[in-house]
Structure formats: structure tokens, C-alpha cells
Amino acid sequence: MRADELLEAGDMDGRRVWLRVLEAVRELSSKELPKGTAVH
């Protein structure tokens, strides 16, 4: 995982960005809507 590589290299900002990207991908690929959202 890229975030692990960045952690080993000491790039905490880069790691943080990749973890946010991973979370966004999980949200976008989820079949359930997040709480408090509506379909337009």
C-alpha cells in the first residue's frame, strides 16, 4: 500500500493524503448511503 511506503519514508503528509484517498474510494464504492444524505 502506498500509504505504508510513505510512512516508512517518513512522509507523514503524503501518507495522510493517501489515507484520505482510500477513505473516499470506500465511500464512493459503498452501496449504502452515508447517514444524513439524500438522493436527488
PDB file of N, CA and C in Angstrom:
ATOM      1  N   MET A   1       0.843  -1.177   0.000  1.00  0.00           N
ATOM      2  CA  MET A   1       0.000   0.000   0.000  1.00  0.00           C
ATOM      3  C   MET A   1       0.891   1.244   0.000  1.00  0.00           C
ATOM      4  N   ARG A   2       0.512   2.187  -0.788  1.00  0.00           N
ATOM      5  CA  ARG A   2       1.307   3.410  -0.931  1.00  0.00           C
ATOM      6  C   ARG A   2       1.446   4.152   0.393  1.00  0.00           C
ATOM      7  N   ALA A   3       0.408   4.188   1.209  1.00  0.00           N
ATOM      8  CA  ALA A   3       0.484   4.884   2.499  1.00  0.00           C
ATOM      9  C   ALA A   3       1.556   4.267   3.386  1.00  0.00           C
ATOM     10  N   ASP A   4       1.711   2.961   3.342  1.00  0.00           N
ATOM     11  CA  ASP A   4       2.748   2.290   4.132  1.00  0.00           C
ATOM     12  C   ASP A   4       4.143   2.660   3.645  1.00  0.00           C
ATOM     13  N   GLU A   5       4.296   2.752   2.326  1.00  0.00           N
ATOM     14  CA  GLU A   5       5.588   3.153   1.771  1.00  0.00           C
ATOM     15  C   GLU A   5       5.946   4.566   2.216  1.00  0.00           C
ATOM     16  N   LEU A   6       4.965   5.446   2.207  1.00  0.00           N
ATOM     17  CA  LEU A   6       5.211   6.824   2.616  1.00  0.00           C
ATOM     18  C   LEU A   6       5.532   6.913   4.103  1.00  0.00           C
ATOM     19  N   LEU A   7       4.885   6.085   4.902  1.00  0.00           N
ATOM     20  CA  LEU A   7       5.177   6.053   6.337  1.00  0.00           C
ATOM     21  C   LEU A   7       6.624   5.629   6.565  1.00  0.00           C
ATOM     22  N   GLU A   8       7.054   4.597   5.871  1.00  0.00           N
ATOM     23  CA  GLU A   8       8.438   4.127   6.001  1.00  0.00           C
ATOM     24  C   GLU A   8       9.438   5.194   5.579  1.00  0.00           C
ATOM     25  N   ALA A   9       9.049   6.020   4.599  1.00  0.00           N
ATOM     26  CA  ALA A   9       9.932   7.077   4.112  1.00  0.00           C
ATOM     27  C   ALA A   9       9.864   8.321   4.999  1.00  0.00           C
ATOM     28  N   GLY A  10       8.941   8.324   5.972  1.00  0.00           N
ATOM     29  CA  GLY A  10       8.811   9.468   6.864  1.00  0.00           C
ATOM     30  C   GLY A  10       7.955  10.588   6.312  1.00  0.00           C
ATOM     31  N   ASP A  11       7.248  10.346   5.232  1.00  0.00           N
ATOM     32  CA  ASP A  11       6.393  11.367   4.614  1.00  0.00           C
ATOM     33  C   ASP A  11       4.990  11.291   5.203  1.00  0.00           C
ATOM     34  N   MET A  12       4.800  11.951   6.344  1.00  0.00           N
ATOM     35  CA  MET A  12       3.517  11.872   7.044  1.00  0.00           C
ATOM     36  C   MET A  12       2.411  12.608   6.289  1.00  0.00           C
ATOM     37  N   ASP A  13       2.737  13.715   5.631  1.00  0.00           N
ATOM     38  CA  ASP A  13       1.725  14.435   4.861  1.00  0.00           C
ATOM     39  C   ASP A  13       1.250  13.598   3.679  1.00  0.00           C
ATOM     40  N   GLY A  14       2.181  12.980   2.975  1.00  0.00           N
ATOM     41  CA  GLY A  14       1.817  12.118   1.855  1.00  0.00           C
ATOM     42  C   GLY A  14       0.985  10.939   2.312  1.00  0.00           C
ATOM     43  N   ARG A  15       1.346  10.362   3.439  1.00  0.00           N
ATOM     44  CA  ARG A  15       0.589   9.237   3.995  1.00  0.00           C
ATOM     45  C   ARG A  15      -0.842   9.655   4.311  1.00  0.00           C
ATOM     46  N   ARG A  16      -0.970  10.820   4.927  1.00  0.00           N
ATOM     47  CA  ARG A  16      -2.297  11.337   5.292  1.00  0.00           C
ATOM     48  C   ARG A  16      -3.164  11.522   4.049  1.00  0.00           C
ATOM     49  N   VAL A  17      -2.578  12.043   2.981  1.00  0.00           N
ATOM     50  CA  VAL A  17      -3.315  12.236   1.728  1.00  0.00           C
ATOM     51  C   VAL A  17      -3.797  10.901   1.182  1.00  0.00           C
ATOM     52  N   TRP A  18      -2.919   9.895   1.139  1.00  0.00           N
ATOM     53  CA  TRP A  18      -3.310   8.592   0.605  1.00  0.00           C
ATOM     54  C   TRP A  18      -4.368   7.913   1.458  1.00  0.00           C
ATOM     55  N   LEU A  19      -4.331   8.119   2.769  1.00  0.00           N
ATOM     56  CA  LEU A  19      -5.369   7.539   3.620  1.00  0.00           C
ATOM     57  C   LEU A  19      -6.716   8.209   3.351  1.00  0.00           C
ATOM     58  N   ARG A  20      -6.697   9.503   3.072  1.00  0.00           N
ATOM     59  CA  ARG A  20      -7.938  10.197   2.723  1.00  0.00           C
ATOM     60  C   ARG A  20      -8.474   9.716   1.387  1.00  0.00           C
ATOM     61  N   VAL A  21      -7.583   9.477   0.435  1.00  0.00           N
ATOM     62  CA  VAL A  21      -7.988   8.949  -0.870  1.00  0.00           C
ATOM     63  C   VAL A  21      -8.634   7.583  -0.691  1.00  0.00           C
ATOM     64  N   LEU A  22      -8.025   6.737   0.111  1.00  0.00           N
ATOM     65  CA  LEU A  22      -8.566   5.405   0.360  1.00  0.00           C
ATOM     66  C   LEU A  22      -9.965   5.485   0.977  1.00  0.00           C
ATOM     67  N   GLU A  23     -10.150   6.364   1.938  1.00  0.00           N
ATOM     68  CA  GLU A  23     -11.466   6.522   2.560  1.00  0.00           C
ATOM     69  C   GLU A  23     -12.496   7.020   1.545  1.00  0.00           C
ATOM     70  N   ALA A  24     -12.123   7.942   0.671  1.00  0.00           N
ATOM     71  CA  ALA A  24     -13.036   8.438  -0.360  1.00  0.00           C
ATOM     72  C   ALA A  24     -13.439   7.320  -1.313  1.00  0.00           C
ATOM     73  N   VAL A  25     -12.488   6.483  -1.699  1.00  0.00           N
ATOM     74  CA  VAL A  25     -12.799   5.357  -2.586  1.00  0.00           C
ATOM     75  C   VAL A  25     -13.781   4.413  -1.907  1.00  0.00           C
ATOM     76  N   ARG A  26     -13.568   4.141  -0.639  1.00  0.00           N
ATOM     77  CA  ARG A  26     -14.503   3.267   0.100  1.00  0.00           C
ATOM     78  C   ARG A  26     -15.904   3.858   0.124  1.00  0.00           C
ATOM     79  N   GLU A  27     -15.992   5.159   0.379  1.00  0.00           N
ATOM     80  CA  GLU A  27     -17.306   5.802   0.412  1.00  0.00           C
ATOM     81  C   GLU A  27     -17.979   5.753  -0.956  1.00  0.00           C
ATOM     82  N   LEU A  28     -17.227   6.033  -2.002  1.00  0.00           N
ATOM     83  CA  LEU A  28     -17.798   6.048  -3.344  1.00  0.00           C
ATOM     84  C   LEU A  28     -18.203   4.665  -3.828  1.00  0.00           C
ATOM     85  N   SER A  29     -17.538   3.641  -3.362  1.00  0.00           N
ATOM     86  CA  SER A  29     -17.856   2.289  -3.814  1.00  0.00           C
ATOM     87  C   SER A  29     -18.886   1.590  -2.922  1.00  0.00           C
ATOM     88  N   SER A  30     -19.289   2.248  -1.850  1.00  0.00           N
ATOM     89  CA  SER A  30     -20.271   1.676  -0.937  1.00  0.00           C
ATOM     90  C   SER A  30     -21.649   1.645  -1.585  1.00  0.00           C
ATOM     91  N   LYS A  31     -22.394   0.630  -1.300  1.00  0.00           N
ATOM     92  CA  LYS A  31     -23.753   0.521  -1.821  1.00  0.00           C
ATOM     93  C   LYS A  31     -24.765   1.184  -0.888  1.00  0.00           C
ATOM     94  N   GLU A  32     -24.334   1.576   0.292  1.00  0.00           N
ATOM     95  CA  GLU A  32     -25.210   2.245   1.253  1.00  0.00           C
ATOM     96  C   GLU A  32     -24.922   3.740   1.264  1.00  0.00           C
ATOM     97  N   LEU A  33     -25.979   4.526   1.435  1.00  0.00           N
ATOM     98  CA  LEU A  33     -25.804   5.972   1.535  1.00  0.00           C
ATOM     99  C   LEU A  33     -25.305   6.334   2.927  1.00  0.00           C
ATOM    100  N   PRO A  34     -24.411   7.310   3.016  1.00  0.00           N
ATOM    101  CA  PRO A  34     -23.991   7.772   4.337  1.00  0.00           C
ATOM    102  C   PRO A  34     -25.166   8.397   5.087  1.00  0.00           C
ATOM    103  N   LYS A  35     -25.157   8.324   6.388  1.00  0.00           N
ATOM    104  CA  LYS A  35     -26.221   8.905   7.200  1.00  0.00           C
ATOM    105  C   LYS A  35     -26.329  10.406   6.928  1.00  0.00           C
ATOM    106  N   GLY A  36     -27.558  10.891   6.875  1.00  0.00           N
ATOM    107  CA  GLY A  36     -27.800  12.313   6.675  1.00  0.00           C
ATOM    108  C   GLY A  36     -27.736  12.761   5.229  1.00  0.00           C
ATOM    109  N   THR A  37     -27.706  11.828   4.274  1.00  0.00           N
ATOM    110  CA  THR A  37     -27.660  12.202   2.871  1.00  0.00           C
ATOM    111  C   THR A  37     -28.970  11.838   2.181  1.00  0.00           C
ATOM    112  N   ALA A  38     -29.227  12.487   1.054  1.00  0.00           N
ATOM    113  CA  ALA A  38     -30.428  12.208   0.290  1.00  0.00           C
ATOM    114  C   ALA A  38     -30.056  12.068  -1.177  1.00  0.00           C
ATOM    115  N   VAL A  39     -30.835  11.293  -1.907  1.00  0.00           N
ATOM    116  CA  VAL A  39     -30.631  11.125  -3.328  1.00  0.00           C
ATOM    117  C   VAL A  39     -31.450  12.195  -4.034  1.00  0.00           C
ATOM    118  N   HIS A  40     -30.822  12.877  -4.964  1.00  0.00           N
ATOM    119  CA  HIS A  40     -31.516  13.952  -5.697  1.00  0.00           C
ATOM    120  C   HIS A  40     -32.020  13.437  -7.010  1.00  0.00           C
TER     121      HIS A  40
END
